[in-house]
Amino acid sequence: MRQIVLYPGEDNFWVVECPSLHGCISQGKTKEEAIANIKEAIDLYIECLEEDGIAVPEEKYEVLSLVV
């Protein structure tokens, strides 16, 4: 399981990142497309790490909402 961050980009696409996998980012025209794309990106990111014998980072983030 991985935490993701989803937000609207400047080009009317949704941007989605996986903070625990540095540089793992994707986008989509809709939220659903962006989420599907990041799932694929996460799978490929982890696959590449494993092929190169690099340890896969553990998920270490918590999600909090802050009212200011």
N, C-alpha and C. Protein backbone atom coordinates (compact mmCIF):
# COMPACT_ATOMS: atom_id res chain seq x y z
N MET A 1 0.85 -1.17 0.00
CA MET A 1 0.00 0.00 0.00
C MET A 1 0.90 1.23 0.00
N ARG A 2 0.54 2.22 -0.80
CA ARG A 2 1.31 3.46 -0.91
C ARG A 2 0.37 4.66 -0.79
N GLN A 3 0.86 5.69 -0.14
CA GLN A 3 0.14 6.95 -0.07
C GLN A 3 0.40 7.72 -1.36
N ILE A 4 -0.61 8.41 -1.85
CA ILE A 4 -0.44 9.26 -3.02
C ILE A 4 -1.00 10.64 -2.71
N VAL A 5 -0.53 11.61 -3.46
CA VAL A 5 -1.02 12.98 -3.36
C VAL A 5 -1.57 13.34 -4.73
N LEU A 6 -2.81 13.80 -4.76
CA LEU A 6 -3.51 14.12 -6.01
C LEU A 6 -3.92 15.58 -5.98
N TYR A 7 -3.57 16.32 -7.03
CA TYR A 7 -3.92 17.74 -7.07
C TYR A 7 -4.06 18.21 -8.51
N PRO A 8 -4.85 19.26 -8.72
CA PRO A 8 -5.02 19.77 -10.10
C PRO A 8 -3.76 20.48 -10.56
N GLY A 9 -3.35 20.18 -11.79
CA GLY A 9 -2.20 20.85 -12.40
C GLY A 9 -2.63 22.09 -13.15
N GLU A 10 -1.67 22.84 -13.61
CA GLU A 10 -1.95 24.08 -14.32
C GLU A 10 -2.54 23.85 -15.70
N ASP A 11 -2.36 22.67 -16.26
CA ASP A 11 -2.81 22.38 -17.62
C ASP A 11 -4.14 21.64 -17.67
N ASN A 12 -4.93 21.74 -16.60
CA ASN A 12 -6.23 21.07 -16.48
C ASN A 12 -6.13 19.56 -16.40
N PHE A 13 -4.95 19.04 -16.12
CA PHE A 13 -4.77 17.63 -15.85
C PHE A 13 -4.65 17.46 -14.33
N TRP A 14 -4.90 16.24 -13.85
CA TRP A 14 -4.68 15.93 -12.44
C TRP A 14 -3.27 15.35 -12.31
N VAL A 15 -2.53 15.86 -11.36
CA VAL A 15 -1.18 15.40 -11.08
C VAL A 15 -1.24 14.52 -9.84
N VAL A 16 -0.48 13.43 -9.87
CA VAL A 16 -0.47 12.51 -8.74
C VAL A 16 0.96 12.05 -8.48
N GLU A 17 1.34 12.05 -7.20
CA GLU A 17 2.69 11.68 -6.79
C GLU A 17 2.63 10.61 -5.71
N CYS A 18 3.69 9.84 -5.62
CA CYS A 18 3.87 8.88 -4.53
C CYS A 18 5.09 9.34 -3.74
N PRO A 19 4.90 10.06 -2.64
CA PRO A 19 6.02 10.66 -1.92
C PRO A 19 7.08 9.68 -1.43
N SER A 20 6.70 8.46 -1.11
CA SER A 20 7.69 7.51 -0.59
C SER A 20 8.59 6.94 -1.68
N LEU A 21 8.22 7.17 -2.95
CA LEU A 21 9.04 6.73 -4.08
C LEU A 21 9.48 7.99 -4.82
N HIS A 22 10.61 8.53 -4.42
CA HIS A 22 11.09 9.82 -4.91
C HIS A 22 11.05 9.89 -6.45
N GLY A 23 10.34 10.89 -6.95
CA GLY A 23 10.26 11.10 -8.39
C GLY A 23 9.18 10.30 -9.09
N CYS A 24 8.42 9.52 -8.35
CA CYS A 24 7.33 8.73 -8.95
C CYS A 24 6.10 9.63 -9.05
N ILE A 25 5.84 10.09 -10.26
CA ILE A 25 4.78 11.07 -10.50
C ILE A 25 4.10 10.74 -11.83
N SER A 26 2.82 11.04 -11.91
CA SER A 26 2.08 10.82 -13.14
C SER A 26 0.97 11.86 -13.23
N GLN A 27 0.13 11.73 -14.23
CA GLN A 27 -0.99 12.64 -14.39
C GLN A 27 -2.08 11.97 -15.21
N GLY A 28 -3.22 12.62 -15.31
CA GLY A 28 -4.33 12.13 -16.11
C GLY A 28 -5.34 13.22 -16.33
N LYS A 29 -6.18 13.04 -17.34
CA LYS A 29 -7.21 14.03 -17.64
C LYS A 29 -8.29 14.07 -16.56
N THR A 30 -8.50 12.92 -15.91
CA THR A 30 -9.47 12.83 -14.81
C THR A 30 -8.76 12.28 -13.58
N LYS A 31 -9.41 12.40 -12.43
CA LYS A 31 -8.83 11.82 -11.22
C LYS A 31 -8.65 10.31 -11.39
N GLU A 32 -9.64 9.67 -11.95
CA GLU A 32 -9.59 8.22 -12.12
C GLU A 32 -8.44 7.80 -13.02
N GLU A 33 -8.23 8.54 -14.12
CA GLU A 33 -7.14 8.24 -15.03
C GLU A 33 -5.79 8.47 -14.34
N ALA A 34 -5.68 9.54 -13.58
CA ALA A 34 -4.44 9.84 -12.86
C ALA A 34 -4.12 8.73 -11.86
N ILE A 35 -5.12 8.25 -11.15
CA ILE A 35 -4.92 7.18 -10.17
C ILE A 35 -4.50 5.89 -10.86
N ALA A 36 -5.15 5.56 -11.97
CA ALA A 36 -4.75 4.36 -12.72
C ALA A 36 -3.32 4.49 -13.21
N ASN A 37 -2.94 5.68 -13.66
CA ASN A 37 -1.59 5.90 -14.17
C ASN A 37 -0.54 5.80 -13.06
N ILE A 38 -0.85 6.31 -11.86
CA ILE A 38 0.14 6.23 -10.78
C ILE A 38 0.28 4.79 -10.28
N LYS A 39 -0.80 4.02 -10.32
CA LYS A 39 -0.68 2.60 -9.96
C LYS A 39 0.32 1.90 -10.86
N GLU A 40 0.22 2.17 -12.15
CA GLU A 40 1.15 1.58 -13.12
C GLU A 40 2.57 2.09 -12.87
N ALA A 41 2.70 3.39 -12.62
CA ALA A 41 4.02 3.98 -12.37
C ALA A 41 4.66 3.38 -11.12
N ILE A 42 3.88 3.19 -10.07
CA ILE A 42 4.39 2.59 -8.83
C ILE A 42 4.88 1.16 -9.09
N ASP A 43 4.08 0.38 -9.80
CA ASP A 43 4.47 -1.00 -10.12
C ASP A 43 5.78 -1.03 -10.89
N LEU A 44 5.90 -0.18 -11.90
CA LEU A 44 7.12 -0.15 -12.72
C LEU A 44 8.32 0.37 -11.93
N TYR A 45 8.10 1.36 -11.08
CA TYR A 45 9.16 1.92 -10.24
C TYR A 45 9.74 0.83 -9.34
N ILE A 46 8.86 0.10 -8.67
CA ILE A 46 9.29 -0.97 -7.76
C ILE A 46 9.97 -2.09 -8.54
N GLU A 47 9.42 -2.44 -9.70
CA GLU A 47 10.01 -3.48 -10.54
C GLU A 47 11.45 -3.12 -10.93
N CYS A 48 11.67 -1.87 -11.31
CA CYS A 48 13.01 -1.41 -11.69
C CYS A 48 13.97 -1.45 -10.51
N LEU A 49 13.51 -1.04 -9.34
CA LEU A 49 14.36 -1.11 -8.15
C LEU A 49 14.78 -2.54 -7.88
N GLU A 50 13.82 -3.45 -7.93
CA GLU A 50 14.10 -4.85 -7.65
C GLU A 50 15.07 -5.45 -8.68
N GLU A 51 14.89 -5.10 -9.96
CA GLU A 51 15.78 -5.59 -11.01
C GLU A 51 17.21 -5.12 -10.80
N ASP A 52 17.36 -3.91 -10.26
CA ASP A 52 18.68 -3.33 -10.02
C ASP A 52 19.24 -3.71 -8.64
N GLY A 53 18.50 -4.52 -7.88
CA GLY A 53 18.96 -4.95 -6.57
C GLY A 53 18.95 -3.85 -5.52
N ILE A 54 18.09 -2.86 -5.73
CA ILE A 54 17.98 -1.73 -4.80
C ILE A 54 16.78 -1.97 -3.89
N ALA A 55 16.97 -1.72 -2.61
CA ALA A 55 15.88 -1.92 -1.64
C ALA A 55 14.71 -0.98 -1.95
N VAL A 56 13.53 -1.52 -1.86
CA VAL A 56 12.31 -0.72 -2.08
C VAL A 56 12.01 0.05 -0.79
N PRO A 57 11.92 1.38 -0.88
CA PRO A 57 11.62 2.17 0.32
C PRO A 57 10.28 1.77 0.94
N GLU A 58 10.27 1.74 2.25
CA GLU A 58 9.02 1.46 2.95
C GLU A 58 8.14 2.70 2.94
N GLU A 59 6.86 2.50 3.04
CA GLU A 59 5.92 3.61 3.16
C GLU A 59 6.12 4.22 4.54
N LYS A 60 6.33 5.51 4.61
CA LYS A 60 6.63 6.14 5.90
C LYS A 60 5.84 7.41 6.15
N TYR A 61 4.89 7.70 5.31
CA TYR A 61 4.15 8.94 5.44
C TYR A 61 2.80 8.71 6.10
N GLU A 62 2.33 9.72 6.78
CA GLU A 62 0.99 9.72 7.35
C GLU A 62 0.20 10.84 6.66
N VAL A 63 -1.09 10.68 6.59
CA VAL A 63 -1.94 11.69 5.99
C VAL A 63 -2.67 12.42 7.10
N LEU A 64 -2.55 13.72 7.11
CA LEU A 64 -3.22 14.55 8.08
C LEU A 64 -3.88 15.71 7.37
N SER A 65 -4.98 16.17 7.90
CA SER A 65 -5.62 17.38 7.39
C SER A 65 -5.47 18.44 8.46
N LEU A 66 -5.15 19.64 8.04
CA LEU A 66 -4.93 20.73 8.96
C LEU A 66 -5.83 21.91 8.59
N VAL A 67 -6.58 22.38 9.54
CA VAL A 67 -7.44 23.53 9.32
C VAL A 67 -6.71 24.76 9.84
N VAL A 68 -6.55 25.77 8.97
CA VAL A 68 -5.87 27.01 9.40
C VAL A 68 -6.76 28.20 9.14
